[in-house]
Protein backbone atom coordinates (compact mmCIF):
# COMPACT_ATOMS: atom_id res chain seq x y z
CA MET A 1 -0.06 -0.07 -0.09
CA GLN A 2 2.76 2.64 0.74
CA LEU A 3 4.37 1.86 -2.70
CA LEU A 4 1.14 2.44 -4.34
CA VAL A 5 0.73 5.78 -2.30
CA VAL A 6 4.52 6.80 -3.13
CA PHE A 7 3.49 5.77 -7.00
CA ALA A 8 0.44 8.12 -6.84
CA ALA A 9 2.62 10.94 -5.29
CA GLY A 10 5.08 10.62 -7.83
CA ALA A 11 2.74 10.95 -10.84
CA VAL A 12 1.49 14.25 -9.15
CA ALA A 13 4.82 15.52 -8.59
CA GLY A 14 5.94 14.80 -12.27
CA ALA A 15 2.83 16.36 -13.92
CA PHE A 16 3.57 19.31 -11.68
CA GLY A 17 7.43 19.27 -12.24
CA ALA A 18 6.69 18.94 -15.66
CA LEU A 19 4.15 21.55 -16.15
CA LEU A 20 6.17 24.23 -13.97
CA GLY A 21 9.55 22.95 -14.45
CA LEU A 22 10.42 22.61 -10.97
CA GLY A 23 11.28 18.87 -11.21
CA GLY A 24 8.31 17.38 -8.96
CA GLY A 25 11.07 17.56 -5.88
CA ILE A 26 8.91 20.72 -4.59
CA PHE A 27 6.00 18.59 -4.28
CA LEU A 28 7.47 15.37 -3.37
CA VAL A 29 9.77 16.04 -0.37
CA PRO A 30 6.78 17.73 1.81
CA PHE A 31 4.53 14.81 0.98
CA LEU A 32 7.41 12.17 2.16
CA ASN A 33 8.26 14.29 5.45
CA LEU A 34 4.97 15.11 6.15
CA GLY A 35 2.70 12.92 4.64
CA LEU A 36 4.54 9.14 5.27
CA HIS A 37 7.00 10.99 8.17
CA LEU A 38 10.29 9.93 6.35
CA PRO A 39 13.22 11.92 8.06
CA MET A 40 13.79 15.22 5.66
CA THR A 41 17.17 13.58 4.64
CA ALA A 42 15.77 10.16 2.98
CA ALA A 43 12.91 12.45 1.43
CA ALA A 44 15.52 14.56 0.04
CA GLY A 45 17.58 11.58 -1.32
CA ILE A 46 14.36 9.91 -2.90
CA SER A 47 13.43 12.84 -4.37
CA LEU A 48 16.48 13.48 -5.92
CA VAL A 49 16.32 10.04 -7.79
CA THR A 50 12.89 11.30 -9.16
CA VAL A 51 14.41 14.56 -10.15
CA ILE A 52 16.87 12.97 -12.40
CA ALA A 53 13.88 10.60 -13.99
CA THR A 54 12.00 13.86 -14.53
CA SER A 55 14.74 16.07 -16.34
CA THR A 56 15.78 12.92 -18.47
CA HIS A 57 11.86 12.78 -19.71
CA VAL A 58 11.07 16.42 -20.10
CA SER A 59 14.28 17.11 -21.66
CA ALA A 60 13.82 14.60 -24.24
CA GLY A 61 10.49 16.03 -24.83
CA HIS A 62 11.53 19.51 -25.72
CA THR A 63 14.54 18.41 -27.96
CA GLY A 64 14.09 20.17 -31.14
CA LYS A 65 12.02 22.91 -30.06
CA HIS A 66 14.51 25.32 -29.29
CA LEU A 67 13.20 25.94 -25.99
CA MET A 68 15.97 24.50 -24.07
CA ASN A 69 19.01 27.03 -23.83
CA MET A 70 22.33 23.88 -24.03
CA ARG A 71 24.87 27.07 -24.00
CA LEU A 72 23.48 28.84 -21.26
CA ALA A 73 22.41 25.38 -19.22
CA MET A 74 26.13 24.13 -19.72
CA THR A 75 27.88 27.48 -18.40
CA LEU A 76 25.32 27.56 -15.17
CA GLU A 77 25.79 24.02 -14.59
CA VAL A 78 29.23 24.46 -13.84
CA ALA A 79 28.07 26.36 -10.64
CA THR A 80 25.28 24.26 -10.06
CA ALA A 81 26.88 21.03 -9.81
CA ALA A 82 29.95 22.50 -7.37
CA GLY A 83 27.08 23.95 -4.85
CA GLY A 84 25.40 20.49 -5.47
CA VAL A 85 28.54 18.80 -4.22
CA LEU A 86 28.53 21.18 -1.14
CA GLY A 87 24.89 20.83 -0.45
CA GLY A 88 24.99 16.83 -0.35
CA LEU A 89 27.79 17.18 2.45
CA THR A 90 26.33 20.13 4.21
CA ALA A 91 22.88 18.37 4.69
CA GLN A 92 24.32 15.59 7.04
CA LEU A 93 25.22 18.47 9.54
CA LEU A 94 21.98 20.55 9.52
CA ALA A 95 18.87 19.27 12.14
CA GLN A 96 15.84 18.63 10.15
CA GLN A 97 14.10 21.80 11.59
CA THR A 98 16.58 23.81 9.83
CA LEU A 99 15.92 22.05 6.96
CA GLN A 100 12.41 22.55 6.67
CA ARG A 101 12.19 26.35 6.99
CA LEU A 102 15.12 26.80 4.70
CA PHE A 103 12.57 24.91 2.11
CA GLY A 104 9.61 27.19 3.14
CA LEU A 105 11.63 30.10 2.87
CA MET A 106 12.84 29.60 -0.67
CA THR A 107 9.52 28.33 -1.68
CA ALA A 108 7.73 31.35 -0.49
CA PHE A 109 10.31 33.88 -1.83
CA SER A 110 9.90 31.99 -5.50
CA ALA A 111 6.18 32.34 -5.00
CA VAL A 112 6.16 36.09 -4.48
CA MET A 113 8.93 36.97 -7.14
CA MET A 114 6.86 35.09 -9.64
CA LEU A 115 3.61 37.24 -8.56
CA THR A 116 5.51 40.55 -9.59
CA ARG A 117 6.47 39.23 -12.91
CA LEU A 118 2.68 37.98 -14.38
CA ARG A 119 2.60 40.33 -17.21
CA ARG A 120 6.27 40.20 -18.32
CA ARG A 121 7.26 37.80 -21.17
CA ASN A 122 10.89 38.69 -22.14
CA VAL A 123 10.69 38.24 -25.48
CA ILE A 124 11.97 40.63 -28.53
CA LEU A 125 9.85 40.63 -31.81
CA ASP A 126 12.58 42.20 -34.11
CA PRO A 127 13.81 39.06 -35.76
CA GLU A 128 17.01 40.83 -36.63
CA ALA A 129 18.05 41.77 -32.83
CA ASP A 130 21.37 41.24 -31.42
CA LEU A 131 21.01 38.19 -29.07
CA GLY A 132 24.62 38.19 -27.54
CA ARG A 133 26.66 35.04 -26.40
CA PHE A 134 23.47 33.08 -24.66
CA GLY A 135 20.35 34.27 -26.39
CA GLY A 136 17.93 32.38 -28.58
CA ARG A 137 14.89 32.27 -30.73
CA TYR A 138 12.08 29.78 -30.27
CA HIS A 139 8.12 29.79 -31.53
CA GLU A 140 6.01 31.40 -29.16
CA GLU A 141 2.56 29.95 -28.80
CA GLU A 142 1.07 33.36 -27.63
CA SER A 143 2.28 35.38 -30.12
CA GLY A 144 2.14 32.66 -33.06
CA GLY A 145 4.99 33.15 -34.17
CA VAL A 146 8.96 33.14 -33.56
CA VAL A 147 10.51 35.69 -30.80
CA ALA A 148 13.89 36.01 -29.42
CA TYR A 149 15.65 36.82 -26.21
CA ARG A 150 18.40 38.27 -24.57
CA VAL A 151 20.31 36.78 -21.62
CA HIS A 152 21.74 39.90 -18.96
CA ARG A 153 23.28 39.56 -15.89
CA MET A 154 25.41 36.35 -16.04
CA PRO A 155 27.54 37.00 -12.88
CA LEU A 156 23.94 37.08 -11.04
CA ALA A 157 22.77 33.92 -12.92
CA LEU A 158 26.11 31.89 -12.13
CA ALA A 159 25.79 32.91 -8.08
CA ALA A 160 22.19 32.03 -8.24
CA SER A 161 23.16 28.32 -9.70
CA PHE A 162 25.88 27.74 -7.34
CA LEU A 163 22.99 28.62 -4.20
CA ALA A 164 20.21 26.27 -6.05
CA GLY A 165 22.76 23.69 -6.41
CA ASN A 166 23.58 23.57 -3.02
CA LEU A 167 20.02 24.04 -1.83
CA SER A 168 19.00 21.22 -4.47
CA SER A 169 21.22 18.75 -2.18
CA LEU A 170 20.33 19.92 0.95
CA LEU A 171 16.43 19.79 -0.09
CA GLY A 172 15.85 17.44 -2.78
CA ILE A 173 14.26 20.30 -4.45
CA GLY A 174 16.41 20.10 -7.92
CA GLY A 175 17.13 24.04 -7.28
CA ALA A 176 14.54 25.25 -10.03
CA VAL A 177 13.03 27.29 -7.21
CA ILE A 178 15.81 29.49 -7.17
CA LYS A 179 16.97 29.34 -10.92
CA VAL A 180 13.85 29.80 -12.98
CA PRO A 181 12.55 32.88 -11.05
CA VAL A 182 16.09 34.33 -11.22
CA LEU A 183 16.56 33.58 -15.23
CA ASN A 184 13.12 34.92 -15.66
CA ILE A 185 12.72 38.20 -13.34
CA TRP A 186 16.56 39.52 -13.33
CA CYS A 187 18.43 37.88 -16.73
CA GLY A 188 15.85 38.05 -19.03
CA VAL A 189 14.85 34.83 -19.74
CA PRO A 190 11.36 33.89 -21.06
CA MET A 191 9.35 31.89 -18.38
CA ARG A 192 8.98 28.73 -20.92
CA VAL A 193 12.94 29.08 -21.83
CA ALA A 194 13.85 29.44 -17.84
CA ALA A 195 11.75 26.41 -16.76
CA THR A 196 13.07 23.87 -19.63
CA THR A 197 16.52 25.02 -19.80
CA SER A 198 16.15 24.76 -15.66
CA VAL A 199 14.61 21.04 -15.90
CA PHE A 200 17.45 20.08 -17.82
CA MET A 201 20.37 21.56 -15.35
CA ILE A 202 18.59 19.70 -12.39
CA GLY A 203 18.74 16.37 -13.62
CA VAL A 204 22.68 17.10 -13.54
CA THR A 205 22.54 18.59 -10.22
CA ALA A 206 20.65 15.98 -8.88
CA THR A 207 23.13 13.27 -9.67
CA ALA A 208 25.96 15.01 -7.79
CA GLY A 209 23.72 15.19 -4.93
CA ALA A 210 22.04 11.78 -5.03
CA ILE A 211 25.51 9.85 -5.02
CA ILE A 212 26.00 11.65 -1.30
CA TYR A 213 22.87 10.38 -0.16
CA TYR A 214 23.27 7.19 -1.34
CA GLY A 215 26.59 6.75 0.26
CA HIS A 216 24.85 7.69 3.45
CA GLY A 217 22.42 4.84 2.97
CA GLN A 218 19.36 7.35 2.70
CA ILE A 219 17.70 6.42 -0.44
CA ILE A 220 15.14 3.87 0.30
CA PRO A 221 15.59 1.68 -3.12
CA GLU A 222 11.80 0.11 -3.07
CA LEU A 223 10.11 3.49 -2.60
CA ALA A 224 12.21 5.50 -4.93
CA ALA A 225 11.37 3.08 -7.09
CA ALA A 226 7.86 3.66 -7.09
CA ALA A 227 8.22 7.51 -7.00
CA VAL A 228 10.03 7.32 -10.47
CA LEU A 229 7.74 5.05 -11.89
CA GLY A 230 4.87 7.85 -11.09
CA VAL A 231 7.15 10.52 -11.95
CA GLN A 232 7.35 9.12 -15.47
CA VAL A 233 3.44 8.81 -15.83
CA GLY A 234 2.97 12.14 -14.55
CA SER A 235 5.26 13.77 -16.65
CA ARG A 236 3.75 12.70 -19.66
CA ALA A 237 0.51 14.29 -18.63
CA GLY A 238 2.62 17.77 -17.19
CA PHE A 239 4.20 18.14 -20.64
CA ARG A 240 1.29 17.95 -22.83
CA LEU A 241 -0.67 20.39 -20.64
CA SER A 242 2.23 22.74 -20.61
CA ALA A 243 2.21 22.96 -24.47
CA ARG A 244 -1.43 24.44 -24.35
CA ALA A 245 -0.99 26.46 -21.10
CA SER A 246 -0.54 30.55 -21.09
CA THR A 247 2.53 31.41 -19.41
CA ARG A 248 0.63 33.78 -17.05
CA TRP A 249 -1.45 30.87 -15.91
CA LEU A 250 1.71 28.66 -15.40
CA LYS A 251 3.07 31.56 -13.10
CA VAL A 252 0.21 31.94 -11.28
CA LEU A 253 -0.73 28.03 -10.84
CA MET A 254 3.24 27.85 -9.45
CA ALA A 255 2.65 30.85 -7.26
CA ALA A 256 -0.16 29.46 -5.23
CA VAL A 257 1.61 25.70 -5.02
CA LEU A 258 4.84 27.13 -3.67
CA LEU A 259 2.86 29.30 -0.79
CA VAL A 260 0.78 26.36 0.20
CA VAL A 261 4.14 24.04 0.21
CA ALA A 262 5.93 26.99 2.03
CA ALA A 263 3.11 27.46 4.81
CA LEU A 264 2.95 23.45 5.33
CA MET A 265 6.94 23.26 5.84
CA PHE A 266 6.77 26.14 8.41
CA VAL A 267 4.52 24.89 10.15
CA ARG A 268 6.24 21.74 10.46
CA GLY A 269 9.62 23.21 11.07
CA SER A 270 7.89 25.03 14.29
CA THR A 271 6.02 22.17 15.88
CA ALA A 272 8.70 19.38 15.27
């Protein structure tokens, strides 16, 4: 019965993860920790395994659509992977209450940032515009044509990626709750591109952190397998829905879910 419950939770996490570019860990960690009462480190370890699965599935689905900025992803991944290794080691030294409160703080911050950018799309309609080293073009459903974008403030993006990698290993969330808002709000990357590029990077980041958890025996194999199977099913549904949803609707949904999760984790961290 527990395996079926984890499978269902993985399906829901996979659907939301693919839809919002968060990898699913942001939803699965609270469920495993609050619902099934697993230790935070065990929940984070299992979640990192499912993040790898979500990243693989969604990245393959977006291949050829130019939504994934590979040059930007691989540049930022250097900082993200370094932060991921450090986070996996730091997680062994922090109390569970500290991790829960940190989780709540990061999700609340991401929700507020998303709500401040509901009307901004970060696209350039001029087909001849200079896109710089990391910019790109893609077909946008809202405008019905090809749009472009330019990436700004790369030092900030690198710093945020390091922090995201650290928090990814600490909390098992893939780090997208930091990278997606920063890329979208301050670096000029459109929401869909930021989400798709981030979901590719979180797979690499999660691998770096998952090795640490596995080495400490904190990944429960049968639960991780059930969650991964559920994530694969849910990711397919989320991927199809994301192609039809508007950018503004995605941001509102993302903010609402993050606020609920943040509240739950703050309450748990205060009463544990």
